[in-house]
Amino acid sequence: MLTARLVDAREAQAIGLVDEVLPADRLAARVSELARHVATLAPLTLAAIKEGARRVSQAFALRDAEDLLLSCYLSRDFQEGVRAFLDKRPARWEGR
């Protein structure tokens, strides 16, 4: 995230961002296979995992970071970034 660099599917897998990379024509079959497997697992454990993930996501909800978002999107640097993008030139950041 700090480099703002896009990664392709293979690199995403290599750095642990995704577990699997599949060709589009195999995706539906793999999704079905995973769904069938998950359906065999303990339902109470699955429910606990889902609830745990929900709680973590709530703890880090964007509404709790509104000040951080506004400090970026209302900044002069953000305006400069948009202008630089539209002008197809590197941005000149000031930290303001």
PDB file of N, CA and C in Angstrom:
ATOM      1  N   MET A   1       0.818  -1.183   0.000  1.00  0.00           N
ATOM      2  CA  MET A   1       0.000   0.000   0.000  1.00  0.00           C
ATOM      3  C   MET A   1       0.867   1.255   0.000  1.00  0.00           C
ATOM      4  N   LEU A   2       1.972   1.214   0.705  1.00  0.00           N
ATOM      5  CA  LEU A   2       2.795   2.417   0.792  1.00  0.00           C
ATOM      6  C   LEU A   2       3.444   2.788  -0.533  1.00  0.00           C
ATOM      7  N   THR A   3       3.649   1.804  -1.405  1.00  0.00           N
ATOM      8  CA  THR A   3       4.272   2.111  -2.695  1.00  0.00           C
ATOM      9  C   THR A   3       3.253   2.519  -3.744  1.00  0.00           C
ATOM     10  N   ALA A   4       1.965   2.288  -3.504  1.00  0.00           N
ATOM     11  CA  ALA A   4       0.894   2.587  -4.454  1.00  0.00           C
ATOM     12  C   ALA A   4       1.141   1.920  -5.798  1.00  0.00           C
ATOM     13  N   ARG A   5       1.804   0.775  -5.761  1.00  0.00           N
ATOM     14  CA  ARG A   5       2.139   0.046  -6.980  1.00  0.00           C
ATOM     15  C   ARG A   5       1.127  -1.077  -7.206  1.00  0.00           C
ATOM     16  N   LEU A   6       0.648  -1.205  -8.437  1.00  0.00           N
ATOM     17  CA  LEU A   6      -0.258  -2.288  -8.778  1.00  0.00           C
ATOM     18  C   LEU A   6       0.544  -3.582  -8.948  1.00  0.00           C
ATOM     19  N   VAL A   7      -0.033  -4.683  -8.521  1.00  0.00           N
ATOM     20  CA  VAL A   7       0.614  -5.978  -8.700  1.00  0.00           C
ATOM     21  C   VAL A   7      -0.276  -6.864  -9.552  1.00  0.00           C
ATOM     22  N   ASP A   8       0.340  -7.719 -10.351  1.00  0.00           N
ATOM     23  CA  ASP A   8      -0.450  -8.643 -11.152  1.00  0.00           C
ATOM     24  C   ASP A   8      -0.816  -9.866 -10.301  1.00  0.00           C
ATOM     25  N   ALA A   9      -1.590 -10.759 -10.870  1.00  0.00           N
ATOM     26  CA  ALA A   9      -2.115 -11.907 -10.130  1.00  0.00           C
ATOM     27  C   ALA A   9      -1.000 -12.803  -9.591  1.00  0.00           C
ATOM     28  N   ARG A  10       0.016 -13.068 -10.380  1.00  0.00           N
ATOM     29  CA  ARG A  10       1.107 -13.954  -9.935  1.00  0.00           C
ATOM     30  C   ARG A  10       1.871 -13.338  -8.760  1.00  0.00           C
ATOM     31  N   GLU A  11       2.153 -12.045  -8.842  1.00  0.00           N
ATOM     32  CA  GLU A  11       2.860 -11.393  -7.742  1.00  0.00           C
ATOM     33  C   GLU A  11       1.982 -11.346  -6.503  1.00  0.00           C
ATOM     34  N   ALA A  12       0.687 -11.106  -6.679  1.00  0.00           N
ATOM     35  CA  ALA A  12      -0.238 -11.095  -5.546  1.00  0.00           C
ATOM     36  C   ALA A  12      -0.203 -12.436  -4.817  1.00  0.00           C
ATOM     37  N   GLN A  13      -0.109 -13.511  -5.577  1.00  0.00           N
ATOM     38  CA  GLN A  13      -0.022 -14.835  -4.962  1.00  0.00           C
ATOM     39  C   GLN A  13       1.333 -15.012  -4.276  1.00  0.00           C
ATOM     40  N   ALA A  14       2.390 -14.572  -4.925  1.00  0.00           N
ATOM     41  CA  ALA A  14       3.736 -14.735  -4.369  1.00  0.00           C
ATOM     42  C   ALA A  14       3.901 -13.995  -3.047  1.00  0.00           C
ATOM     43  N   ILE A  15       3.261 -12.859  -2.884  1.00  0.00           N
ATOM     44  CA  ILE A  15       3.402 -12.084  -1.648  1.00  0.00           C
ATOM     45  C   ILE A  15       2.315 -12.399  -0.624  1.00  0.00           C
ATOM     46  N   GLY A  16       1.465 -13.385  -0.938  1.00  0.00           N
ATOM     47  CA  GLY A  16       0.461 -13.831   0.019  1.00  0.00           C
ATOM     48  C   GLY A  16      -0.806 -13.005   0.061  1.00  0.00           C
ATOM     49  N   LEU A  17      -1.015 -12.160  -0.936  1.00  0.00           N
ATOM     50  CA  LEU A  17      -2.229 -11.352  -0.985  1.00  0.00           C
ATOM     51  C   LEU A  17      -3.434 -12.192  -1.398  1.00  0.00           C
ATOM     52  N   VAL A  18      -3.213 -13.185  -2.253  1.00  0.00           N
ATOM     53  CA  VAL A  18      -4.256 -14.126  -2.664  1.00  0.00           C
ATOM     54  C   VAL A  18      -3.718 -15.541  -2.504  1.00  0.00           C
ATOM     55  N   ASP A  19      -4.616 -16.495  -2.323  1.00  0.00           N
ATOM     56  CA  ASP A  19      -4.211 -17.894  -2.158  1.00  0.00           C
ATOM     57  C   ASP A  19      -4.030 -18.624  -3.479  1.00  0.00           C
ATOM     58  N   GLU A  20      -4.888 -18.313  -4.433  1.00  0.00           N
ATOM     59  CA  GLU A  20      -4.854 -19.030  -5.706  1.00  0.00           C
ATOM     60  C   GLU A  20      -5.036 -18.065  -6.867  1.00  0.00           C
ATOM     61  N   VAL A  21      -4.442 -18.435  -7.989  1.00  0.00           N
ATOM     62  CA  VAL A  21      -4.636 -17.708  -9.241  1.00  0.00           C
ATOM     63  C   VAL A  21      -5.078 -18.746 -10.268  1.00  0.00           C
ATOM     64  N   LEU A  22      -6.227 -18.494 -10.876  1.00  0.00           N
ATOM     65  CA  LEU A  22      -6.794 -19.450 -11.830  1.00  0.00           C
ATOM     66  C   LEU A  22      -7.163 -18.750 -13.124  1.00  0.00           C
ATOM     67  N   PRO A  23      -7.119 -19.496 -14.228  1.00  0.00           N
ATOM     68  CA  PRO A  23      -7.666 -18.933 -15.468  1.00  0.00           C
ATOM     69  C   PRO A  23      -9.185 -18.775 -15.330  1.00  0.00           C
ATOM     70  N   ALA A  24      -9.732 -17.813 -16.021  1.00  0.00           N
ATOM     71  CA  ALA A  24     -11.165 -17.506 -15.909  1.00  0.00           C
ATOM     72  C   ALA A  24     -12.038 -18.731 -16.168  1.00  0.00           C
ATOM     73  N   ASP A  25     -11.648 -19.589 -17.088  1.00  0.00           N
ATOM     74  CA  ASP A  25     -12.486 -20.744 -17.428  1.00  0.00           C
ATOM     75  C   ASP A  25     -12.501 -21.814 -16.329  1.00  0.00           C
ATOM     76  N   ARG A  26     -11.632 -21.717 -15.328  1.00  0.00           N
ATOM     77  CA  ARG A  26     -11.626 -22.679 -14.219  1.00  0.00           C
ATOM     78  C   ARG A  26     -12.191 -22.098 -12.936  1.00  0.00           C
ATOM     79  N   LEU A  27     -12.503 -20.809 -12.944  1.00  0.00           N
ATOM     80  CA  LEU A  27     -12.930 -20.138 -11.721  1.00  0.00           C
ATOM     81  C   LEU A  27     -14.234 -20.701 -11.151  1.00  0.00           C
ATOM     82  N   ALA A  28     -15.259 -20.832 -11.968  1.00  0.00           N
ATOM     83  CA  ALA A  28     -16.561 -21.314 -11.478  1.00  0.00           C
ATOM     84  C   ALA A  28     -16.446 -22.711 -10.870  1.00  0.00           C
ATOM     85  N   ALA A  29     -15.684 -23.587 -11.497  1.00  0.00           N
ATOM     86  CA  ALA A  29     -15.514 -24.943 -10.971  1.00  0.00           C
ATOM     87  C   ALA A  29     -14.802 -24.913  -9.623  1.00  0.00           C
ATOM     88  N   ARG A  30     -13.797 -24.048  -9.482  1.00  0.00           N
ATOM     89  CA  ARG A  30     -13.064 -23.967  -8.220  1.00  0.00           C
ATOM     90  C   ARG A  30     -13.942 -23.385  -7.116  1.00  0.00           C
ATOM     91  N   VAL A  31     -14.753 -22.402  -7.453  1.00  0.00           N
ATOM     92  CA  VAL A  31     -15.677 -21.834  -6.468  1.00  0.00           C
ATOM     93  C   VAL A  31     -16.646 -22.912  -5.989  1.00  0.00           C
ATOM     94  N   SER A  32     -17.179 -23.686  -6.902  1.00  0.00           N
ATOM     95  CA  SER A  32     -18.100 -24.768  -6.521  1.00  0.00           C
ATOM     96  C   SER A  32     -17.405 -25.792  -5.636  1.00  0.00           C
ATOM     97  N   GLU A  33     -16.179 -26.132  -5.977  1.00  0.00           N
ATOM     98  CA  GLU A  33     -15.410 -27.090  -5.189  1.00  0.00           C
ATOM     99  C   GLU A  33     -15.200 -26.572  -3.762  1.00  0.00           C
ATOM    100  N   LEU A  34     -14.819 -25.304  -3.637  1.00  0.00           N
ATOM    101  CA  LEU A  34     -14.623 -24.731  -2.306  1.00  0.00           C
ATOM    102  C   LEU A  34     -15.933 -24.659  -1.530  1.00  0.00           C
ATOM    103  N   ALA A  35     -17.025 -24.304  -2.200  1.00  0.00           N
ATOM    104  CA  ALA A  35     -18.326 -24.242  -1.532  1.00  0.00           C
ATOM    105  C   ALA A  35     -18.740 -25.616  -1.010  1.00  0.00           C
ATOM    106  N   ARG A  36     -18.516 -26.647  -1.821  1.00  0.00           N
ATOM    107  CA  ARG A  36     -18.847 -28.003  -1.367  1.00  0.00           C
ATOM    108  C   ARG A  36     -18.009 -28.376  -0.142  1.00  0.00           C
ATOM    109  N   HIS A  37     -16.739 -28.005  -0.144  1.00  0.00           N
ATOM    110  CA  HIS A  37     -15.871 -28.311   0.990  1.00  0.00           C
ATOM    111  C   HIS A  37     -16.333 -27.567   2.247  1.00  0.00           C
ATOM    112  N   VAL A  38     -16.591 -26.287   2.121  1.00  0.00           N
ATOM    113  CA  VAL A  38     -17.021 -25.493   3.274  1.00  0.00           C
ATOM    114  C   VAL A  38     -18.320 -26.058   3.849  1.00  0.00           C
ATOM    115  N   ALA A  39     -19.186 -26.568   2.996  1.00  0.00           N
ATOM    116  CA  ALA A  39     -20.467 -27.133   3.450  1.00  0.00           C
ATOM    117  C   ALA A  39     -20.268 -28.375   4.322  1.00  0.00           C
ATOM    118  N   THR A  40     -19.094 -28.981   4.274  1.00  0.00           N
ATOM    119  CA  THR A  40     -18.842 -30.178   5.091  1.00  0.00           C
ATOM    120  C   THR A  40     -18.255 -29.831   6.458  1.00  0.00           C
ATOM    121  N   LEU A  41     -17.929 -28.579   6.687  1.00  0.00           N
ATOM    122  CA  LEU A  41     -17.257 -28.181   7.924  1.00  0.00           C
ATOM    123  C   LEU A  41     -18.259 -27.914   9.048  1.00  0.00           C
ATOM    124  N   ALA A  42     -17.745 -27.854  10.254  1.00  0.00           N
ATOM    125  CA  ALA A  42     -18.581 -27.683  11.445  1.00  0.00           C
ATOM    126  C   ALA A  42     -19.297 -26.333  11.411  1.00  0.00           C
ATOM    127  N   PRO A  43     -20.634 -26.343  11.410  1.00  0.00           N
ATOM    128  CA  PRO A  43     -21.383 -25.096  11.275  1.00  0.00           C
ATOM    129  C   PRO A  43     -21.169 -24.107  12.417  1.00  0.00           C
ATOM    130  N   LEU A  44     -21.020 -24.574  13.657  1.00  0.00           N
ATOM    131  CA  LEU A  44     -20.807 -23.647  14.762  1.00  0.00           C
ATOM    132  C   LEU A  44     -19.446 -22.971  14.657  1.00  0.00           C
ATOM    133  N   THR A  45     -18.442 -23.710  14.215  1.00  0.00           N
ATOM    134  CA  THR A  45     -17.118 -23.123  14.031  1.00  0.00           C
ATOM    135  C   THR A  45     -17.141 -22.104  12.905  1.00  0.00           C
ATOM    136  N   LEU A  46     -17.825 -22.429  11.806  1.00  0.00           N
ATOM    137  CA  LEU A  46     -17.946 -21.472  10.703  1.00  0.00           C
ATOM    138  C   LEU A  46     -18.663 -20.206  11.151  1.00  0.00           C
ATOM    139  N   ALA A  47     -19.720 -20.369  11.927  1.00  0.00           N
ATOM    140  CA  ALA A  47     -20.457 -19.204  12.419  1.00  0.00           C
ATOM    141  C   ALA A  47     -19.563 -18.346  13.311  1.00  0.00           C
ATOM    142  N   ALA A  48     -18.745 -18.987  14.157  1.00  0.00           N
ATOM    143  CA  ALA A  48     -17.855 -18.241  15.040  1.00  0.00           C
ATOM    144  C   ALA A  48     -16.797 -17.491  14.241  1.00  0.00           C
ATOM    145  N   ILE A  49     -16.276 -18.107  13.194  1.00  0.00           N
ATOM    146  CA  ILE A  49     -15.281 -17.460  12.340  1.00  0.00           C
ATOM    147  C   ILE A  49     -15.895 -16.247  11.645  1.00  0.00           C
ATOM    148  N   LYS A  50     -17.106 -16.413  11.117  1.00  0.00           N
ATOM    149  CA  LYS A  50     -17.779 -15.296  10.452  1.00  0.00           C
ATOM    150  C   LYS A  50     -18.053 -14.152  11.421  1.00  0.00           C
ATOM    151  N   GLU A  51     -18.505 -14.493  12.618  1.00  0.00           N
ATOM    152  CA  GLU A  51     -18.782 -13.455  13.621  1.00  0.00           C
ATOM    153  C   GLU A  51     -17.490 -12.759  14.033  1.00  0.00           C
ATOM    154  N   GLY A  52     -16.423 -13.511  14.184  1.00  0.00           N
ATOM    155  CA  GLY A  52     -15.129 -12.912  14.520  1.00  0.00           C
ATOM    156  C   GLY A  52     -14.666 -11.948  13.442  1.00  0.00           C
ATOM    157  N   ALA A  53     -14.809 -12.348  12.189  1.00  0.00           N
ATOM    158  CA  ALA A  53     -14.433 -11.467  11.074  1.00  0.00           C
ATOM    159  C   ALA A  53     -15.308 -10.219  11.059  1.00  0.00           C
ATOM    160  N   ARG A  54     -16.595 -10.385  11.351  1.00  0.00           N
ATOM    161  CA  ARG A  54     -17.499  -9.234  11.398  1.00  0.00           C
ATOM    162  C   ARG A  54     -17.080  -8.262  12.493  1.00  0.00           C
ATOM    163  N   ARG A  55     -16.717  -8.813  13.646  1.00  0.00           N
ATOM    164  CA  ARG A  55     -16.309  -7.948  14.756  1.00  0.00           C
ATOM    165  C   ARG A  55     -15.026  -7.191  14.438  1.00  0.00           C
ATOM    166  N   VAL A  56     -14.075  -7.866  13.831  1.00  0.00           N
ATOM    167  CA  VAL A  56     -12.822  -7.205  13.460  1.00  0.00           C
ATOM    168  C   VAL A  56     -13.102  -6.111  12.441  1.00  0.00           C
ATOM    169  N   SER A  57     -13.943  -6.403  11.448  1.00  0.00           N
ATOM    170  CA  SER A  57     -14.240  -5.399  10.428  1.00  0.00           C
ATOM    171  C   SER A  57     -14.976  -4.206  11.039  1.00  0.00           C
ATOM    172  N   GLN A  58     -15.809  -4.450  12.032  1.00  0.00           N
ATOM    173  CA  GLN A  58     -16.503  -3.355  12.717  1.00  0.00           C
ATOM    174  C   GLN A  58     -15.522  -2.513  13.528  1.00  0.00           C
ATOM    175  N   ALA A  59     -14.540  -3.169  14.111  1.00  0.00           N
ATOM    176  CA  ALA A  59     -13.558  -2.450  14.919  1.00  0.00           C
ATOM    177  C   ALA A  59     -12.720  -1.509  14.065  1.00  0.00           C
ATOM    178  N   PHE A  60     -12.558  -1.853  12.801  1.00  0.00           N
ATOM    179  CA  PHE A  60     -11.742  -1.045  11.901  1.00  0.00           C
ATOM    180  C   PHE A  60     -12.592  -0.422  10.798  1.00  0.00           C
ATOM    181  N   ALA A  61     -13.833  -0.143  11.112  1.00  0.00           N
ATOM    182  CA  ALA A  61     -14.742   0.425  10.119  1.00  0.00           C
ATOM    183  C   ALA A  61     -14.268   1.811   9.684  1.00  0.00           C
ATOM    184  N   LEU A  62     -14.568   2.155   8.433  1.00  0.00           N
ATOM    185  CA  LEU A  62     -14.157   3.456   7.908  1.00  0.00           C
ATOM    186  C   LEU A  62     -14.772   4.615   8.673  1.00  0.00           C
ATOM    187  N   ARG A  63     -15.930   4.398   9.268  1.00  0.00           N
ATOM    188  CA  ARG A  63     -16.546   5.504  10.006  1.00  0.00           C
ATOM    189  C   ARG A  63     -15.655   5.924  11.160  1.00  0.00           C
ATOM    190  N   ASP A  64     -14.839   5.012  11.667  1.00  0.00           N
ATOM    191  CA  ASP A  64     -13.919   5.334  12.747  1.00  0.00           C
ATOM    192  C   ASP A  64     -12.678   6.050  12.235  1.00  0.00           C
ATOM    193  N   ALA A  65     -12.513   6.099  10.923  1.00  0.00           N
ATOM    194  CA  ALA A  65     -11.339   6.738  10.332  1.00  0.00           C
ATOM    195  C   ALA A  65     -11.731   7.921   9.455  1.00  0.00           C
ATOM    196  N   GLU A  66     -12.921   8.442   9.675  1.00  0.00           N
ATOM    197  CA  GLU A  66     -13.387   9.555   8.845  1.00  0.00           C
ATOM    198  C   GLU A  66     -12.412  10.726   8.880  1.00  0.00           C
ATOM    199  N   ASP A  67     -11.850  11.001  10.027  1.00  0.00           N
ATOM    200  CA  ASP A  67     -10.900  12.111  10.129  1.00  0.00           C
ATOM    201  C   ASP A  67      -9.672  11.879   9.257  1.00  0.00           C
ATOM    202  N   LEU A  68      -9.235  10.630   9.164  1.00  0.00           N
ATOM    203  CA  LEU A  68      -8.078  10.314   8.324  1.00  0.00           C
ATOM    204  C   LEU A  68      -8.406  10.504   6.849  1.00  0.00           C
ATOM    205  N   LEU A  69      -9.579  10.035   6.454  1.00  0.00           N
ATOM    206  CA  LEU A  69      -9.986  10.189   5.059  1.00  0.00           C
ATOM    207  C   LEU A  69     -10.137  11.652   4.690  1.00  0.00           C
ATOM    208  N   LEU A  70     -10.789  12.414   5.550  1.00  0.00           N
ATOM    209  CA  LEU A  70     -10.989  13.834   5.263  1.00  0.00           C
ATOM    210  C   LEU A  70      -9.673  14.593   5.221  1.00  0.00           C
ATOM    211  N   SER A  71      -8.730  14.219   6.080  1.00  0.00           N
ATOM    212  CA  SER A  71      -7.446  14.914   6.080  1.00  0.00           C
ATOM    213  C   SER A  71      -6.711  14.720   4.758  1.00  0.00           C
ATOM    214  N   CYS A  72      -6.982  13.632   4.091  1.00  0.00           N
ATOM    215  CA  CYS A  72      -6.367  13.398   2.774  1.00  0.00           C
ATOM    216  C   CYS A  72      -7.179  14.056   1.665  1.00  0.00           C
ATOM    217  N   TYR A  73      -8.460  13.747   1.602  1.00  0.00           N
ATOM    218  CA  TYR A  73      -9.280  14.190   0.474  1.00  0.00           C
ATOM    219  C   TYR A  73      -9.579  15.683   0.465  1.00  0.00           C
ATOM    220  N   LEU A  74      -9.419  16.354   1.584  1.00  0.00           N
ATOM    221  CA  LEU A  74      -9.646  17.790   1.621  1.00  0.00           C
ATOM    222  C   LEU A  74      -8.331  18.582   1.590  1.00  0.00           C
ATOM    223  N   SER A  75      -7.237  17.890   1.354  1.00  0.00           N
ATOM    224  CA  SER A  75      -5.926  18.536   1.413  1.00  0.00           C
ATOM    225  C   SER A  75      -5.519  19.170   0.083  1.00  0.00           C
ATOM    226  N   ARG A  76      -4.552  20.071   0.179  1.00  0.00           N
ATOM    227  CA  ARG A  76      -3.957  20.650  -1.032  1.00  0.00           C
ATOM    228  C   ARG A  76      -3.218  19.567  -1.812  1.00  0.00           C
ATOM    229  N   ASP A  77      -2.597  18.627  -1.107  1.00  0.00           N
ATOM    230  CA  ASP A  77      -1.902  17.537  -1.797  1.00  0.00           C
ATOM    231  C   ASP A  77      -2.863  16.717  -2.657  1.00  0.00           C
ATOM    232  N   PHE A  78      -4.062  16.478  -2.152  1.00  0.00           N
ATOM    233  CA  PHE A  78      -5.034  15.720  -2.940  1.00  0.00           C
ATOM    234  C   PHE A  78      -5.375  16.486  -4.216  1.00  0.00           C
ATOM    235  N   GLN A  79      -5.613  17.775  -4.074  1.00  0.00           N
ATOM    236  CA  GLN A  79      -5.910  18.596  -5.257  1.00  0.00           C
ATOM    237  C   GLN A  79      -4.748  18.559  -6.240  1.00  0.00           C
ATOM    238  N   GLU A  80      -3.521  18.639  -5.726  1.00  0.00           N
ATOM    239  CA  GLU A  80      -2.337  18.562  -6.581  1.00  0.00           C
ATOM    240  C   GLU A  80      -2.249  17.201  -7.262  1.00  0.00           C
ATOM    241  N   GLY A  81      -2.567  16.144  -6.535  1.00  0.00           N
ATOM    242  CA  GLY A  81      -2.533  14.805  -7.113  1.00  0.00           C
ATOM    243  C   GLY A  81      -3.510  14.656  -8.267  1.00  0.00           C
ATOM    244  N   VAL A  82      -4.701  15.193  -8.103  1.00  0.00           N
ATOM    245  CA  VAL A  82      -5.704  15.140  -9.170  1.00  0.00           C
ATOM    246  C   VAL A  82      -5.224  15.947 -10.378  1.00  0.00           C
ATOM    247  N   ARG A  83      -4.727  17.153 -10.127  1.00  0.00           N
ATOM    248  CA  ARG A  83      -4.224  17.981 -11.231  1.00  0.00           C
ATOM    249  C   ARG A  83      -3.076  17.291 -11.960  1.00  0.00           C
ATOM    250  N   ALA A  84      -2.154  16.707 -11.195  1.00  0.00           N
ATOM    251  CA  ALA A  84      -1.005  16.023 -11.792  1.00  0.00           C
ATOM    252  C   ALA A  84      -1.465  14.833 -12.635  1.00  0.00           C
ATOM    253  N   PHE A  85      -2.425  14.081 -12.126  1.00  0.00           N
ATOM    254  CA  PHE A  85      -2.951  12.939 -12.876  1.00  0.00           C
ATOM    255  C   PHE A  85      -3.562  13.404 -14.190  1.00  0.00           C
ATOM    256  N   LEU A  86      -4.391  14.437 -14.115  1.00  0.00           N
ATOM    257  CA  LEU A  86      -5.051  14.946 -15.329  1.00  0.00           C
ATOM    258  C   LEU A  86      -4.041  15.545 -16.303  1.00  0.00           C
ATOM    259  N   ASP A  87      -2.981  16.147 -15.765  1.00  0.00           N
ATOM    260  CA  ASP A  87      -1.939  16.735 -16.616  1.00  0.00           C
ATOM    261  C   ASP A  87      -0.904  15.713 -17.063  1.00  0.00           C
ATOM    262  N   LYS A  88      -1.046  14.470 -16.568  1.00  0.00           N
ATOM    263  CA  LYS A  88      -0.110  13.382 -16.902  1.00  0.00           C
ATOM    264  C   LYS A  88       1.333  13.761 -16.543  1.00  0.00           C
ATOM    265  N   ARG A  89       1.489  14.229 -15.303  1.00  0.00           N
ATOM    266  CA  ARG A  89       2.820  14.599 -14.817  1.00  0.00           C
ATOM    267  C   ARG A  89       2.957  14.115 -13.375  1.00  0.00           C
ATOM    268  N   PRO A  90       4.191  14.021 -12.898  1.00  0.00           N
ATOM    269  CA  PRO A  90       4.375  13.620 -11.487  1.00  0.00           C
ATOM    270  C   PRO A  90       3.831  14.702 -10.553  1.00  0.00           C
ATOM    271  N   ALA A  91       3.279  14.272  -9.447  1.00  0.00           N
ATOM    272  CA  ALA A  91       2.755  15.219  -8.462  1.00  0.00           C
ATOM    273  C   ALA A  91       3.902  15.856  -7.689  1.00  0.00           C
ATOM    274  N   ARG A  92       3.677  17.063  -7.252  1.00  0.00           N
ATOM    275  CA  ARG A  92       4.630  17.778  -6.399  1.00  0.00           C
ATOM    276  C   ARG A  92       4.005  17.891  -5.008  1.00  0.00           C
ATOM    277  N   TRP A  93       4.319  16.931  -4.160  1.00  0.00           N
ATOM    278  CA  TRP A  93       3.706  16.835  -2.829  1.00  0.00           C
ATOM    279  C   TRP A  93       4.318  17.880  -1.899  1.00  0.00           C
ATOM    280  N   GLU A  94       3.484  18.461  -1.055  1.00  0.00           N
ATOM    281  CA  GLU A  94       3.930  19.440  -0.055  1.00  0.00           C
ATOM    282  C   GLU A  94       3.644  19.000   1.374  1.00  0.00           C
ATOM    283  N   GLY A  95       2.875  17.954   1.519  1.00  0.00           N
ATOM    284  CA  GLY A  95       2.506  17.509   2.861  1.00  0.00           C
ATOM    285  C   GLY A  95       1.478  18.404   3.515  1.00  0.00           C
ATOM    286  N   ARG A  96       0.627  19.029   2.687  1.00  0.00           N
ATOM    287  CA  ARG A  96      -0.424  19.932   3.191  1.00  0.00           C
ATOM    288  C   ARG A  96      -1.775  19.545   2.656  1.00  0.00           C
TER     289      ARG A  96
END
